[in-house]
Protein backbone atom coordinates (compact mmCIF):
# COMPACT_ATOMS: atom_id res chain seq x y z
CA UNK A 1 49.53 -24.95 -76.38
CA UNK A 2 47.08 -27.16 -74.47
CA UNK A 3 45.90 -30.51 -74.90
CA UNK A 4 42.82 -30.90 -73.65
CA UNK A 5 42.96 -34.41 -72.62
CA UNK A 6 45.46 -33.45 -70.09
CA UNK A 7 42.33 -32.35 -68.16
CA UNK A 8 43.94 -28.80 -66.79
CA UNK A 9 47.06 -26.77 -67.80
CA UNK A 10 48.28 -23.42 -67.02
CA UNK A 11 49.04 -21.11 -69.96
CA UNK A 12 48.95 -17.57 -70.55
CA UNK A 13 45.89 -15.74 -72.47
CA UNK A 14 46.42 -13.67 -75.37
CA UNK A 15 43.66 -11.49 -75.31
CA UNK A 16 43.69 -7.95 -76.17
CA UNK A 17 41.24 -5.53 -77.08
CA UNK A 18 43.33 -4.24 -80.07
CA UNK A 19 43.01 -7.53 -81.84
CA UNK A 20 39.13 -6.91 -81.53
CA UNK A 21 38.49 -9.14 -78.80
CA UNK A 22 37.09 -7.33 -75.47
CA UNK A 23 39.25 -7.87 -72.35
CA UNK A 24 37.72 -10.92 -70.45
CA UNK A 25 39.34 -9.66 -67.22
CA UNK A 26 36.89 -6.89 -66.64
CA UNK A 27 33.47 -8.53 -66.45
CA UNK A 28 34.89 -11.67 -64.82
CA UNK A 29 36.79 -10.07 -61.86
CA UNK A 30 38.27 -13.16 -60.57
CA UNK A 31 35.46 -15.30 -61.45
CA UNK A 32 35.32 -18.84 -62.86
CA UNK A 33 34.34 -18.73 -66.72
CA UNK A 34 32.33 -21.84 -67.34
CA UNK A 35 32.19 -22.59 -71.19
CA UNK A 36 29.40 -25.12 -72.04
CA UNK A 37 27.78 -26.14 -75.53
CA UNK A 38 24.87 -23.97 -76.04
CA UNK A 39 22.87 -26.08 -78.00
CA UNK A 40 23.01 -29.46 -75.66
CA UNK A 41 19.61 -29.84 -73.54
CA UNK A 42 21.74 -31.32 -70.87
CA UNK A 43 24.29 -28.64 -70.77
CA UNK A 44 21.91 -25.58 -70.58
CA UNK A 45 19.70 -27.17 -67.82
CA UNK A 46 23.27 -27.69 -65.96
CA UNK A 47 24.06 -23.92 -66.46
CA UNK A 48 20.46 -22.88 -65.04
CA UNK A 49 20.94 -25.37 -62.12
CA UNK A 50 24.27 -23.59 -61.21
CA UNK A 51 22.83 -20.04 -62.03
CA UNK A 52 20.10 -20.93 -59.33
CA UNK A 53 23.07 -21.98 -56.63
CA UNK A 54 25.20 -19.33 -57.24
CA UNK A 55 24.73 -17.23 -54.30
CA UNK A 56 28.16 -15.53 -53.87
CA UNK A 57 28.45 -14.49 -57.50
CA UNK A 58 31.61 -16.58 -58.31
CA UNK A 59 30.54 -18.00 -61.94
CA UNK A 60 30.15 -16.35 -65.28
CA UNK A 61 28.59 -18.11 -68.68
CA UNK A 62 29.57 -18.03 -71.96
CA UNK A 63 28.51 -20.69 -74.78
CA UNK A 64 31.10 -22.38 -76.45
CA UNK A 65 30.53 -20.71 -79.94
CA UNK A 66 30.73 -17.42 -78.47
CA UNK A 67 32.70 -14.93 -80.82
CA UNK A 68 34.99 -13.28 -78.05
CA UNK A 69 35.89 -16.64 -76.33
CA UNK A 70 37.73 -18.21 -79.81
CA UNK A 71 41.01 -16.18 -79.35
CA UNK A 72 41.18 -17.65 -75.74
CA UNK A 73 40.14 -21.32 -77.02
CA UNK A 74 42.55 -21.05 -79.55
CA UNK A 75 45.37 -19.89 -76.65
CA UNK A 76 44.76 -23.27 -75.19
CA UNK A 77 44.85 -25.09 -78.26
CA UNK A 78 41.19 -25.54 -78.58
CA UNK A 79 40.26 -25.02 -82.46
CA UNK A 80 37.65 -22.53 -83.44
CA UNK A 81 33.87 -23.86 -84.14
CA UNK A 82 31.64 -22.82 -87.04
CA UNK A 83 28.12 -24.12 -86.26
CA UNK A 84 27.78 -27.40 -87.77
CA UNK A 85 24.13 -29.46 -87.62
CA UNK A 86 26.17 -32.62 -87.54
CA UNK A 87 28.76 -32.15 -84.92
CA UNK A 88 27.42 -29.17 -82.79
CA UNK A 89 29.37 -25.81 -82.42
CA UNK A 90 32.04 -26.36 -80.03
CA UNK A 91 33.86 -28.54 -77.55
CA UNK A 92 32.06 -31.53 -76.36
CA UNK A 93 32.92 -31.02 -72.82
CA UNK A 94 32.74 -28.29 -70.32
CA UNK A 95 35.68 -26.00 -69.86
CA UNK A 96 36.15 -23.79 -66.65
CA UNK A 97 38.86 -20.93 -66.84
CA UNK A 98 40.42 -19.51 -63.70
CA UNK A 99 42.11 -16.34 -63.41
CA UNK A 100 41.34 -15.59 -67.27
CA UNK A 101 43.64 -13.36 -68.86
CA UNK A 102 46.28 -13.43 -65.64
CA UNK A 103 49.77 -15.04 -65.75
CA UNK A 104 48.53 -17.82 -64.11
CA UNK A 105 45.43 -18.37 -65.73
CA UNK A 106 44.34 -22.25 -65.78
CA UNK A 107 42.09 -24.36 -67.84
CA UNK A 108 40.19 -27.20 -66.29
CA UNK A 109 37.69 -29.88 -68.39
CA UNK A 110 35.56 -32.54 -67.68
CA UNK A 111 34.88 -33.50 -64.45
CA UNK A 112 37.50 -31.49 -62.86
CA UNK A 113 36.02 -28.53 -64.47
CA UNK A 114 32.48 -29.66 -62.55
CA UNK A 115 34.44 -29.98 -59.34
CA UNK A 116 35.69 -26.49 -59.59
CA UNK A 117 32.07 -25.22 -59.97
CA UNK A 118 30.95 -26.73 -57.07
CA UNK A 119 33.36 -25.77 -55.13
CA UNK A 120 32.35 -22.02 -55.04
CA UNK A 121 28.71 -22.76 -54.37
CA UNK A 122 27.21 -22.67 -50.93
CA UNK A 123 27.27 -25.52 -48.89
CA UNK A 124 27.12 -28.42 -49.06
CA UNK A 125 28.30 -28.52 -52.61
CA UNK A 126 31.70 -27.76 -51.90
CA UNK A 127 31.82 -30.73 -49.07
CA UNK A 128 30.22 -32.85 -51.95
CA UNK A 129 33.12 -31.83 -54.48
CA UNK A 130 35.64 -32.52 -51.98
CA UNK A 131 33.90 -36.06 -51.62
CA UNK A 132 33.98 -36.86 -55.62
CA UNK A 133 37.36 -35.58 -55.49
CA UNK A 134 38.23 -38.75 -53.79
CA UNK A 135 36.69 -40.87 -56.63
CA UNK A 136 39.65 -41.82 -59.08
CA UNK A 137 39.74 -39.45 -61.99
CA UNK A 138 39.67 -42.24 -64.25
CA UNK A 139 36.16 -43.08 -62.86
CA UNK A 140 34.92 -39.94 -63.06
CA UNK A 141 36.57 -39.26 -66.45
CA UNK A 142 34.56 -42.40 -67.57
CA UNK A 143 31.27 -41.22 -66.03
CA UNK A 144 31.48 -37.74 -67.66
CA UNK A 145 32.46 -38.95 -71.02
CA UNK A 146 29.38 -41.68 -70.78
CA UNK A 147 26.82 -39.01 -70.12
CA UNK A 148 28.30 -36.53 -72.72
CA UNK A 149 27.94 -39.29 -75.35
CA UNK A 150 24.34 -39.55 -74.83
CA UNK A 151 23.42 -35.68 -73.79
CA UNK A 152 21.65 -35.04 -77.47
CA UNK A 153 19.78 -38.35 -77.62
CA UNK A 154 18.15 -38.19 -74.16
CA UNK A 155 18.23 -34.43 -73.37
CA UNK A 156 17.92 -33.01 -76.79
CA UNK A 157 19.52 -30.19 -78.76
CA UNK A 158 18.42 -26.83 -79.14
CA UNK A 159 18.50 -24.72 -82.65
CA UNK A 160 20.40 -21.92 -80.82
CA UNK A 161 21.42 -21.18 -76.93
CA UNK A 162 18.15 -20.46 -75.21
CA UNK A 163 18.08 -16.61 -74.16
CA UNK A 164 18.82 -15.86 -70.44
CA UNK A 165 16.03 -13.97 -68.58
CA UNK A 166 16.84 -10.44 -67.78
CA UNK A 167 17.81 -11.52 -64.25
CA UNK A 168 20.21 -14.01 -65.58
CA UNK A 169 22.08 -11.82 -68.18
CA UNK A 170 24.55 -10.28 -65.89
CA UNK A 171 26.07 -14.04 -65.37
CA UNK A 172 26.68 -14.48 -69.14
CA UNK A 173 29.28 -12.94 -71.41
């Protein structure tokens, strides 16, 4: 099990086609899997920002309420989420999975997840991520949680996940 509060963890995923959940390894092929709140306006803008800069095709995206992710989330101690207009439908944080489905699968959350995304983008973003990593984690996490607390009030909430454009669809599960 994983305590999301630890901010990163390694644990094998229990994904199998036999259980009705498609194998995530094939569509990811070593890419980072970014799980986000699909109803959050700020989160959706952030995903669009990452998409525009992902020149090396290193990222794949999925909203946290995606049905194929529920077993993966559960294998890391993150409960399944049913849509609820009062609390949203997924974790209140960004999640990044590295080596999804492999024995060395790793989960990063909050500021470490954002830094992982920046590291795979073209320059200057890896350099900026390296500089940001020098900021004490406690400070980064505090800033992240402040933005997360205010995100719906400032950027709004979508009734459902926006549909990606045809060019973007290959980047989503």
